[in-house]
Amino acid sequence: MTWIVVLAVSAGCYALKLAGLAVPAGVLDRPLVRRAAELVPVALLAALVAVQTVASGRSLEVDARLAGVAAAAVGVLLRAPFLVVVLLAAAVAATVRAVAG
């Protein structure tokens, strides 16, 4: 049963990619469509970060993950290099987990 689902989802992803390639170039030249196409990945990534940060199953949970994301946001606002942002977030999350017990 699992392989059937994997194959079905794979076929769906392939069909979606093929549909994207079939869109005429003139459609993407429109400013509104171009702007929407640029913002969709950003919105999806932001939603993924939000869900992975505060969700635990079907409930919301505020823990060290949120502190790590907040620290990363501060690092980004201060224009720190990517590696520094990642290390800062990890250090803050680890510290909160150690202190909380």
PDB file of N, CA and C in Angstrom:
ATOM      1  N   MET A   1       0.822  -1.197   0.000  1.00  0.00           N
ATOM      2  CA  MET A   1       0.000   0.000   0.000  1.00  0.00           C
ATOM      3  C   MET A   1       0.868   1.263   0.000  1.00  0.00           C
ATOM      4  N   THR A   2       1.953   1.258   0.761  1.00  0.00           N
ATOM      5  CA  THR A   2       2.814   2.432   0.837  1.00  0.00           C
ATOM      6  C   THR A   2       3.430   2.747  -0.522  1.00  0.00           C
ATOM      7  N   TRP A   3       3.856   1.706  -1.245  1.00  0.00           N
ATOM      8  CA  TRP A   3       4.466   1.940  -2.545  1.00  0.00           C
ATOM      9  C   TRP A   3       3.474   2.510  -3.542  1.00  0.00           C
ATOM     10  N   ILE A   4       2.234   2.142  -3.434  1.00  0.00           N
ATOM     11  CA  ILE A   4       1.214   2.700  -4.321  1.00  0.00           C
ATOM     12  C   ILE A   4       1.084   4.198  -4.087  1.00  0.00           C
ATOM     13  N   VAL A   5       1.095   4.594  -2.821  1.00  0.00           N
ATOM     14  CA  VAL A   5       0.996   6.018  -2.487  1.00  0.00           C
ATOM     15  C   VAL A   5       2.244   6.758  -2.980  1.00  0.00           C
ATOM     16  N   VAL A   6       3.415   6.178  -2.765  1.00  0.00           N
ATOM     17  CA  VAL A   6       4.660   6.808  -3.221  1.00  0.00           C
ATOM     18  C   VAL A   6       4.648   6.984  -4.737  1.00  0.00           C
ATOM     19  N   LEU A   7       4.246   5.969  -5.450  1.00  0.00           N
ATOM     20  CA  LEU A   7       4.189   6.065  -6.912  1.00  0.00           C
ATOM     21  C   LEU A   7       3.142   7.068  -7.380  1.00  0.00           C
ATOM     22  N   ALA A   8       2.004   7.108  -6.706  1.00  0.00           N
ATOM     23  CA  ALA A   8       0.955   8.063  -7.078  1.00  0.00           C
ATOM     24  C   ALA A   8       1.413   9.497  -6.835  1.00  0.00           C
ATOM     25  N   VAL A   9       2.043   9.742  -5.709  1.00  0.00           N
ATOM     26  CA  VAL A   9       2.536  11.095  -5.421  1.00  0.00           C
ATOM     27  C   VAL A   9       3.657  11.471  -6.384  1.00  0.00           C
ATOM     28  N   SER A  10       4.527  10.525  -6.709  1.00  0.00           N
ATOM     29  CA  SER A  10       5.595  10.796  -7.674  1.00  0.00           C
ATOM     30  C   SER A  10       5.010  11.166  -9.039  1.00  0.00           C
ATOM     31  N   ALA A  11       4.002  10.420  -9.473  1.00  0.00           N
ATOM     32  CA  ALA A  11       3.356  10.732 -10.750  1.00  0.00           C
ATOM     33  C   ALA A  11       2.687  12.105 -10.701  1.00  0.00           C
ATOM     34  N   GLY A  12       2.077  12.426  -9.592  1.00  0.00           N
ATOM     35  CA  GLY A  12       1.451  13.739  -9.446  1.00  0.00           C
ATOM     36  C   GLY A  12       2.465  14.866  -9.502  1.00  0.00           C
ATOM     37  N   CYS A  13       3.607  14.682  -8.836  1.00  0.00           N
ATOM     38  CA  CYS A  13       4.668  15.698  -8.879  1.00  0.00           C
ATOM     39  C   CYS A  13       5.213  15.873 -10.290  1.00  0.00           C
ATOM     40  N   TYR A  14       5.405  14.767 -10.982  1.00  0.00           N
ATOM     41  CA  TYR A  14       5.887  14.829 -12.354  1.00  0.00           C
ATOM     42  C   TYR A  14       4.873  15.554 -13.242  1.00  0.00           C
ATOM     43  N   ALA A  15       3.599  15.237 -13.071  1.00  0.00           N
ATOM     44  CA  ALA A  15       2.553  15.891 -13.866  1.00  0.00           C
ATOM     45  C   ALA A  15       2.496  17.394 -13.573  1.00  0.00           C
ATOM     46  N   LEU A  16       2.686  17.758 -12.319  1.00  0.00           N
ATOM     47  CA  LEU A  16       2.684  19.178 -11.960  1.00  0.00           C
ATOM     48  C   LEU A  16       3.864  19.899 -12.590  1.00  0.00           C
ATOM     49  N   LYS A  17       5.036  19.262 -12.561  1.00  0.00           N
ATOM     50  CA  LYS A  17       6.208  19.862 -13.191  1.00  0.00           C
ATOM     51  C   LYS A  17       6.006  19.980 -14.693  1.00  0.00           C
ATOM     52  N   LEU A  18       5.449  18.963 -15.308  1.00  0.00           N
ATOM     53  CA  LEU A  18       5.174  18.993 -16.740  1.00  0.00           C
ATOM     54  C   LEU A  18       4.171  20.092 -17.080  1.00  0.00           C
ATOM     55  N   ALA A  19       3.172  20.284 -16.233  1.00  0.00           N
ATOM     56  CA  ALA A  19       2.193  21.349 -16.461  1.00  0.00           C
ATOM     57  C   ALA A  19       2.866  22.713 -16.377  1.00  0.00           C
ATOM     58  N   GLY A  20       3.820  22.861 -15.457  1.00  0.00           N
ATOM     59  CA  GLY A  20       4.552  24.122 -15.342  1.00  0.00           C
ATOM     60  C   GLY A  20       5.388  24.411 -16.569  1.00  0.00           C
ATOM     61  N   LEU A  21       5.961  23.381 -17.145  1.00  0.00           N
ATOM     62  CA  LEU A  21       6.757  23.569 -18.362  1.00  0.00           C
ATOM     63  C   LEU A  21       5.885  23.854 -19.579  1.00  0.00           C
ATOM     64  N   ALA A  22       4.621  23.452 -19.522  1.00  0.00           N
ATOM     65  CA  ALA A  22       3.715  23.650 -20.649  1.00  0.00           C
ATOM     66  C   ALA A  22       3.124  25.060 -20.685  1.00  0.00           C
ATOM     67  N   VAL A  23       3.335  25.849 -19.640  1.00  0.00           N
ATOM     68  CA  VAL A  23       2.795  27.211 -19.604  1.00  0.00           C
ATOM     69  C   VAL A  23       3.561  28.062 -20.616  1.00  0.00           C
ATOM     70  N   PRO A  24       2.862  28.757 -21.484  1.00  0.00           N
ATOM     71  CA  PRO A  24       3.545  29.610 -22.470  1.00  0.00           C
ATOM     72  C   PRO A  24       4.349  30.718 -21.784  1.00  0.00           C
ATOM     73  N   ALA A  25       5.461  31.082 -22.392  1.00  0.00           N
ATOM     74  CA  ALA A  25       6.336  32.105 -21.811  1.00  0.00           C
ATOM     75  C   ALA A  25       5.621  33.449 -21.679  1.00  0.00           C
ATOM     76  N   GLY A  26       4.673  33.713 -22.552  1.00  0.00           N
ATOM     77  CA  GLY A  26       3.944  34.978 -22.498  1.00  0.00           C
ATOM     78  C   GLY A  26       3.145  35.159 -21.223  1.00  0.00           C
ATOM     79  N   VAL A  27       2.699  34.060 -20.650  1.00  0.00           N
ATOM     80  CA  VAL A  27       1.936  34.138 -19.399  1.00  0.00           C
ATOM     81  C   VAL A  27       2.830  34.633 -18.267  1.00  0.00           C
ATOM     82  N   LEU A  28       4.067  34.148 -18.225  1.00  0.00           N
ATOM     83  CA  LEU A  28       4.984  34.539 -17.155  1.00  0.00           C
ATOM     84  C   LEU A  28       5.544  35.943 -17.331  1.00  0.00           C
ATOM     85  N   ASP A  29       5.320  36.551 -18.499  1.00  0.00           N
ATOM     86  CA  ASP A  29       5.796  37.912 -18.720  1.00  0.00           C
ATOM     87  C   ASP A  29       4.879  38.951 -18.083  1.00  0.00           C
ATOM     88  N   ARG A  30       3.686  38.546 -17.676  1.00  0.00           N
ATOM     89  CA  ARG A  30       2.775  39.483 -17.024  1.00  0.00           C
ATOM     90  C   ARG A  30       3.300  39.806 -15.621  1.00  0.00           C
ATOM     91  N   PRO A  31       3.305  41.085 -15.231  1.00  0.00           N
ATOM     92  CA  PRO A  31       3.882  41.468 -13.935  1.00  0.00           C
ATOM     93  C   PRO A  31       3.212  40.786 -12.731  1.00  0.00           C
ATOM     94  N   LEU A  32       1.903  40.661 -12.755  1.00  0.00           N
ATOM     95  CA  LEU A  32       1.207  40.049 -11.621  1.00  0.00           C
ATOM     96  C   LEU A  32       1.557  38.570 -11.480  1.00  0.00           C
ATOM     97  N   VAL A  33       1.604  37.861 -12.595  1.00  0.00           N
ATOM     98  CA  VAL A  33       1.944  36.433 -12.570  1.00  0.00           C
ATOM     99  C   VAL A  33       3.398  36.252 -12.150  1.00  0.00           C
ATOM    100  N   ARG A  34       4.290  37.091 -12.648  1.00  0.00           N
ATOM    101  CA  ARG A  34       5.705  37.001 -12.287  1.00  0.00           C
ATOM    102  C   ARG A  34       5.902  37.236 -10.787  1.00  0.00           C
ATOM    103  N   ARG A  35       5.222  38.245 -10.260  1.00  0.00           N
ATOM    104  CA  ARG A  35       5.349  38.563  -8.825  1.00  0.00           C
ATOM    105  C   ARG A  35       4.803  37.413  -7.980  1.00  0.00           C
ATOM    106  N   ALA A  36       3.675  36.853  -8.377  1.00  0.00           N
ATOM    107  CA  ALA A  36       3.094  35.731  -7.636  1.00  0.00           C
ATOM    108  C   ALA A  36       4.024  34.518  -7.687  1.00  0.00           C
ATOM    109  N   ALA A  37       4.614  34.259  -8.843  1.00  0.00           N
ATOM    110  CA  ALA A  37       5.529  33.122  -8.981  1.00  0.00           C
ATOM    111  C   ALA A  37       6.777  33.306  -8.137  1.00  0.00           C
ATOM    112  N   GLU A  38       7.199  34.545  -7.923  1.00  0.00           N
ATOM    113  CA  GLU A  38       8.366  34.806  -7.082  1.00  0.00           C
ATOM    114  C   GLU A  38       8.046  34.662  -5.605  1.00  0.00           C
ATOM    115  N   LEU A  39       6.813  34.966  -5.214  1.00  0.00           N
ATOM    116  CA  LEU A  39       6.462  34.971  -3.790  1.00  0.00           C
ATOM    117  C   LEU A  39       5.938  33.643  -3.261  1.00  0.00           C
ATOM    118  N   VAL A  40       5.460  32.767  -4.120  1.00  0.00           N
ATOM    119  CA  VAL A  40       4.905  31.489  -3.652  1.00  0.00           C
ATOM    120  C   VAL A  40       5.947  30.653  -2.903  1.00  0.00           C
ATOM    121  N   PRO A  41       7.177  30.480  -3.406  1.00  0.00           N
ATOM    122  CA  PRO A  41       8.152  29.690  -2.640  1.00  0.00           C
ATOM    123  C   PRO A  41       8.469  30.301  -1.272  1.00  0.00           C
ATOM    124  N   VAL A  42       8.523  31.628  -1.200  1.00  0.00           N
ATOM    125  CA  VAL A  42       8.800  32.291   0.073  1.00  0.00           C
ATOM    126  C   VAL A  42       7.672  32.026   1.062  1.00  0.00           C
ATOM    127  N   ALA A  43       6.437  32.122   0.593  1.00  0.00           N
ATOM    128  CA  ALA A  43       5.295  31.871   1.475  1.00  0.00           C
ATOM    129  C   ALA A  43       5.257  30.423   1.940  1.00  0.00           C
ATOM    130  N   LEU A  44       5.553  29.494   1.050  1.00  0.00           N
ATOM    131  CA  LEU A  44       5.561  28.079   1.439  1.00  0.00           C
ATOM    132  C   LEU A  44       6.661  27.776   2.448  1.00  0.00           C
ATOM    133  N   LEU A  45       7.835  28.357   2.256  1.00  0.00           N
ATOM    134  CA  LEU A  45       8.929  28.141   3.201  1.00  0.00           C
ATOM    135  C   LEU A  45       8.600  28.750   4.562  1.00  0.00           C
ATOM    136  N   ALA A  46       8.010  29.940   4.564  1.00  0.00           N
ATOM    137  CA  ALA A  46       7.622  30.568   5.829  1.00  0.00           C
ATOM    138  C   ALA A  46       6.573  29.738   6.560  1.00  0.00           C
ATOM    139  N   ALA A  47       5.627  29.195   5.818  1.00  0.00           N
ATOM    140  CA  ALA A  47       4.607  28.343   6.443  1.00  0.00           C
ATOM    141  C   ALA A  47       5.229  27.077   7.011  1.00  0.00           C
ATOM    142  N   LEU A  48       6.166  26.492   6.289  1.00  0.00           N
ATOM    143  CA  LEU A  48       6.842  25.288   6.777  1.00  0.00           C
ATOM    144  C   LEU A  48       7.618  25.570   8.055  1.00  0.00           C
ATOM    145  N   VAL A  49       8.337  26.687   8.095  1.00  0.00           N
ATOM    146  CA  VAL A  49       9.086  27.055   9.299  1.00  0.00           C
ATOM    147  C   VAL A  49       8.136  27.266  10.466  1.00  0.00           C
ATOM    148  N   ALA A  50       7.034  27.960  10.227  1.00  0.00           N
ATOM    149  CA  ALA A  50       6.072  28.219  11.309  1.00  0.00           C
ATOM    150  C   ALA A  50       5.482  26.923  11.852  1.00  0.00           C
ATOM    151  N   VAL A  51       5.106  26.016  10.977  1.00  0.00           N
ATOM    152  CA  VAL A  51       4.503  24.751  11.423  1.00  0.00           C
ATOM    153  C   VAL A  51       5.521  23.898  12.162  1.00  0.00           C
ATOM    154  N   GLN A  52       6.731  23.814  11.642  1.00  0.00           N
ATOM    155  CA  GLN A  52       7.748  22.989  12.290  1.00  0.00           C
ATOM    156  C   GLN A  52       8.236  23.597  13.604  1.00  0.00           C
ATOM    157  N   THR A  53       8.068  24.900  13.779  1.00  0.00           N
ATOM    158  CA  THR A  53       8.540  25.561  14.992  1.00  0.00           C
ATOM    159  C   THR A  53       7.577  25.383  16.151  1.00  0.00           C
ATOM    160  N   VAL A  54       6.294  25.546  15.926  1.00  0.00           N
ATOM    161  CA  VAL A  54       5.347  25.561  17.050  1.00  0.00           C
ATOM    162  C   VAL A  54       4.340  24.425  17.044  1.00  0.00           C
ATOM    163  N   ALA A  55       4.424  23.518  16.095  1.00  0.00           N
ATOM    164  CA  ALA A  55       3.445  22.434  16.046  1.00  0.00           C
ATOM    165  C   ALA A  55       4.052  21.145  16.587  1.00  0.00           C
ATOM    166  N   SER A  56       3.246  20.442  17.341  1.00  0.00           N
ATOM    167  CA  SER A  56       3.622  19.128  17.827  1.00  0.00           C
ATOM    168  C   SER A  56       2.393  18.241  17.679  1.00  0.00           C
ATOM    169  N   GLY A  57       2.337  17.516  16.577  1.00  0.00           N
ATOM    170  CA  GLY A  57       1.135  16.749  16.289  1.00  0.00           C
ATOM    171  C   GLY A  57       0.004  17.691  15.926  1.00  0.00           C
ATOM    172  N   ARG A  58      -1.084  17.620  16.690  1.00  0.00           N
ATOM    173  CA  ARG A  58      -2.233  18.491  16.430  1.00  0.00           C
ATOM    174  C   ARG A  58      -2.322  19.636  17.430  1.00  0.00           C
ATOM    175  N   SER A  59      -1.284  19.845  18.220  1.00  0.00           N
ATOM    176  CA  SER A  59      -1.320  20.912  19.220  1.00  0.00           C
ATOM    177  C   SER A  59      -0.155  21.877  19.011  1.00  0.00           C
ATOM    178  N   LEU A  60      -0.322  23.068  19.561  1.00  0.00           N
ATOM    179  CA  LEU A  60       0.755  24.060  19.507  1.00  0.00           C
ATOM    180  C   LEU A  60       1.619  23.910  20.739  1.00  0.00           C
ATOM    181  N   GLU A  61       2.920  24.065  20.550  1.00  0.00           N
ATOM    182  CA  GLU A  61       3.854  23.890  21.650  1.00  0.00           C
ATOM    183  C   GLU A  61       4.943  24.945  21.544  1.00  0.00           C
ATOM    184  N   VAL A  62       5.080  25.747  22.585  1.00  0.00           N
ATOM    185  CA  VAL A  62       6.127  26.769  22.625  1.00  0.00           C
ATOM    186  C   VAL A  62       7.282  26.189  23.424  1.00  0.00           C
ATOM    187  N   ASP A  63       8.423  25.999  22.757  1.00  0.00           N
ATOM    188  CA  ASP A  63       9.581  25.422  23.427  1.00  0.00           C
ATOM    189  C   ASP A  63      10.862  26.029  22.861  1.00  0.00           C
ATOM    190  N   ALA A  64      11.952  25.303  22.960  1.00  0.00           N
ATOM    191  CA  ALA A  64      13.260  25.814  22.546  1.00  0.00           C
ATOM    192  C   ALA A  64      13.321  26.096  21.047  1.00  0.00           C
ATOM    193  N   ARG A  65      12.508  25.421  20.256  1.00  0.00           N
ATOM    194  CA  ARG A  65      12.522  25.672  18.808  1.00  0.00           C
ATOM    195  C   ARG A  65      12.148  27.112  18.495  1.00  0.00           C
ATOM    196  N   LEU A  66      11.164  27.625  19.216  1.00  0.00           N
ATOM    197  CA  LEU A  66      10.736  29.007  18.984  1.00  0.00           C
ATOM    198  C   LEU A  66      11.838  29.985  19.371  1.00  0.00           C
ATOM    199  N   ALA A  67      12.531  29.709  20.462  1.00  0.00           N
ATOM    200  CA  ALA A  67      13.649  30.567  20.863  1.00  0.00           C
ATOM    201  C   ALA A  67      14.754  30.536  19.805  1.00  0.00           C
ATOM    202  N   GLY A  68      15.021  29.367  19.239  1.00  0.00           N
ATOM    203  CA  GLY A  68      16.037  29.262  18.192  1.00  0.00           C
ATOM    204  C   GLY A  68      15.664  30.031  16.939  1.00  0.00           C
ATOM    205  N   VAL A  69      14.400  29.948  16.544  1.00  0.00           N
ATOM    206  CA  VAL A  69      13.947  30.694  15.367  1.00  0.00           C
ATOM    207  C   VAL A  69      13.994  32.201  15.630  1.00  0.00           C
ATOM    208  N   ALA A  70      13.639  32.603  16.846  1.00  0.00           N
ATOM    209  CA  ALA A  70      13.708  34.028  17.203  1.00  0.00           C
ATOM    210  C   ALA A  70      15.160  34.516  17.150  1.00  0.00           C
ATOM    211  N   ALA A  71      16.083  33.714  17.657  1.00  0.00           N
ATOM    212  CA  ALA A  71      17.502  34.087  17.606  1.00  0.00           C
ATOM    213  C   ALA A  71      17.984  34.171  16.159  1.00  0.00           C
ATOM    214  N   ALA A  72      17.536  33.245  15.325  1.00  0.00           N
ATOM    215  CA  ALA A  72      17.911  33.289  13.907  1.00  0.00           C
ATOM    216  C   ALA A  72      17.358  34.544  13.238  1.00  0.00           C
ATOM    217  N   ALA A  73      16.136  34.924  13.595  1.00  0.00           N
ATOM    218  CA  ALA A  73      15.547  36.140  13.023  1.00  0.00           C
ATOM    219  C   ALA A  73      16.365  37.374  13.409  1.00  0.00           C
ATOM    220  N   VAL A  74      16.823  37.410  14.651  1.00  0.00           N
ATOM    221  CA  VAL A  74      17.672  38.528  15.089  1.00  0.00           C
ATOM    222  C   VAL A  74      18.977  38.527  14.294  1.00  0.00           C
ATOM    223  N   GLY A  75      19.565  37.355  14.107  1.00  0.00           N
ATOM    224  CA  GLY A  75      20.791  37.266  13.317  1.00  0.00           C
ATOM    225  C   GLY A  75      20.601  37.741  11.888  1.00  0.00           C
ATOM    226  N   VAL A  76      19.469  37.382  11.294  1.00  0.00           N
ATOM    227  CA  VAL A  76      19.182  37.825   9.920  1.00  0.00           C
ATOM    228  C   VAL A  76      18.988  39.341   9.887  1.00  0.00           C
ATOM    229  N   LEU A  77      18.269  39.868  10.877  1.00  0.00           N
ATOM    230  CA  LEU A  77      18.067  41.327  10.921  1.00  0.00           C
ATOM    231  C   LEU A  77      19.384  42.081  11.089  1.00  0.00           C
ATOM    232  N   LEU A  78      20.338  41.473  11.793  1.00  0.00           N
ATOM    233  CA  LEU A  78      21.651  42.097  11.968  1.00  0.00           C
ATOM    234  C   LEU A  78      22.583  41.801  10.798  1.00  0.00           C
ATOM    235  N   ARG A  79      22.054  41.123   9.775  1.00  0.00           N
ATOM    236  CA  ARG A  79      22.786  40.784   8.557  1.00  0.00           C
ATOM    237  C   ARG A  79      24.026  39.922   8.839  1.00  0.00           C
ATOM    238  N   ALA A  80      23.890  38.996   9.742  1.00  0.00           N
ATOM    239  CA  ALA A  80      24.976  38.057  10.026  1.00  0.00           C
ATOM    240  C   ALA A  80      25.086  37.047   8.884  1.00  0.00           C
ATOM    241  N   PRO A  81      26.258  36.489   8.691  1.00  0.00           N
ATOM    242  CA  PRO A  81      26.404  35.439   7.664  1.00  0.00           C
ATOM    243  C   PRO A  81      25.532  34.224   8.004  1.00  0.00           C
ATOM    244  N   PHE A  82      25.190  33.462   6.979  1.00  0.00           N
ATOM    245  CA  PHE A  82      24.272  32.337   7.147  1.00  0.00           C
ATOM    246  C   PHE A  82      24.763  31.350   8.201  1.00  0.00           C
ATOM    247  N   LEU A  83      26.026  31.003   8.156  1.00  0.00           N
ATOM    248  CA  LEU A  83      26.565  30.043   9.117  1.00  0.00           C
ATOM    249  C   LEU A  83      26.447  30.564  10.543  1.00  0.00           C
ATOM    250  N   VAL A  84      26.673  31.846  10.737  1.00  0.00           N
ATOM    251  CA  VAL A  84      26.536  32.450  12.074  1.00  0.00           C
ATOM    252  C   VAL A  84      25.082  32.374  12.531  1.00  0.00           C
ATOM    253  N   VAL A  85      24.144  32.625  11.629  1.00  0.00           N
ATOM    254  CA  VAL A  85      22.719  32.553  11.974  1.00  0.00           C
ATOM    255  C   VAL A  85      22.346  31.141  12.413  1.00  0.00           C
ATOM    256  N   VAL A  86      22.809  30.154  11.675  1.00  0.00           N
ATOM    257  CA  VAL A  86      22.497  28.761  12.009  1.00  0.00           C
ATOM    258  C   VAL A  86      23.112  28.377  13.354  1.00  0.00           C
ATOM    259  N   LEU A  87      24.371  28.737  13.565  1.00  0.00           N
ATOM    260  CA  LEU A  87      25.030  28.415  14.833  1.00  0.00           C
ATOM    261  C   LEU A  87      24.381  29.143  16.005  1.00  0.00           C
ATOM    262  N   LEU A  88      23.990  30.381  15.802  1.00  0.00           N
ATOM    263  CA  LEU A  88      23.308  31.145  16.845  1.00  0.00           C
ATOM    264  C   LEU A  88      21.985  30.498  17.219  1.00  0.00           C
ATOM    265  N   ALA A  89      21.210  30.114  16.229  1.00  0.00           N
ATOM    266  CA  ALA A  89      19.926  29.466  16.500  1.00  0.00           C
ATOM    267  C   ALA A  89      20.117  28.150  17.237  1.00  0.00           C
ATOM    268  N   ALA A  90      21.099  27.366  16.812  1.00  0.00           N
ATOM    269  CA  ALA A  90      21.362  26.088  17.479  1.00  0.00           C
ATOM    270  C   ALA A  90      21.823  26.298  18.912  1.00  0.00           C
ATOM    271  N   ALA A  91      22.686  27.266  19.131  1.00  0.00           N
ATOM    272  CA  ALA A  91      23.190  27.526  20.480  1.00  0.00           C
ATOM    273  C   ALA A  91      22.077  27.995  21.407  1.00  0.00           C
ATOM    274  N   VAL A  92      21.228  28.878  20.931  1.00  0.00           N
ATOM    275  CA  VAL A  92      20.124  29.367  21.760  1.00  0.00           C
ATOM    276  C   VAL A  92      19.146  28.239  22.066  1.00  0.00           C
ATOM    277  N   ALA A  93      18.800  27.446  21.077  1.00  0.00           N
ATOM    278  CA  ALA A  93      17.870  26.336  21.305  1.00  0.00           C
ATOM    279  C   ALA A  93      18.469  25.334  22.289  1.00  0.00           C
ATOM    280  N   ALA A  94      19.759  25.023  22.140  1.00  0.00           N
ATOM    281  CA  ALA A  94      20.398  24.084  23.065  1.00  0.00           C
ATOM    282  C   ALA A  94      20.465  24.639  24.479  1.00  0.00           C
ATOM    283  N   THR A  95      20.731  25.929  24.597  1.00  0.00           N
ATOM    284  CA  THR A  95      20.778  26.545  25.916  1.00  0.00           C
ATOM    285  C   THR A  95      19.409  26.531  26.587  1.00  0.00           C
ATOM    286  N   VAL A  96      18.385  26.861  25.840  1.00  0.00           N
ATOM    287  CA  VAL A  96      17.026  26.845  26.408  1.00  0.00           C
ATOM    288  C   VAL A  96      16.651  25.434  26.839  1.00  0.00           C
ATOM    289  N   ARG A  97      16.980  24.438  26.023  1.00  0.00           N
ATOM    290  CA  ARG A  97      16.667  23.052  26.390  1.00  0.00           C
ATOM    291  C   ARG A  97      17.427  22.629  27.632  1.00  0.00           C
ATOM    292  N   ALA A  98      18.695  23.045  27.755  1.00  0.00           N
ATOM    293  CA  ALA A  98      19.504  22.672  28.922  1.00  0.00           C
ATOM    294  C   ALA A  98      18.967  23.334  30.195  1.00  0.00           C
ATOM    295  N   VAL A  99      18.585  24.579  30.084  1.00  0.00           N
ATOM    296  CA  VAL A  99      18.098  25.317  31.250  1.00  0.00           C
ATOM    297  C   VAL A  99      16.712  24.809  31.655  1.00  0.00           C
ATOM    298  N   ALA A 100      15.870  24.517  30.671  1.00  0.00           N
ATOM    299  CA  ALA A 100      14.500  24.079  30.960  1.00  0.00           C
ATOM    300  C   ALA A 100      14.472  22.656  31.509  1.00  0.00           C
ATOM    301  N   GLY A 101      15.501  21.921  31.253  1.00  0.00           N
ATOM    302  CA  GLY A 101      15.572  20.680  31.940  1.00  0.00           C
ATOM    303  C   GLY A 101      15.505  19.413  31.303  1.00  0.00           C
TER     304      GLY A 101
END
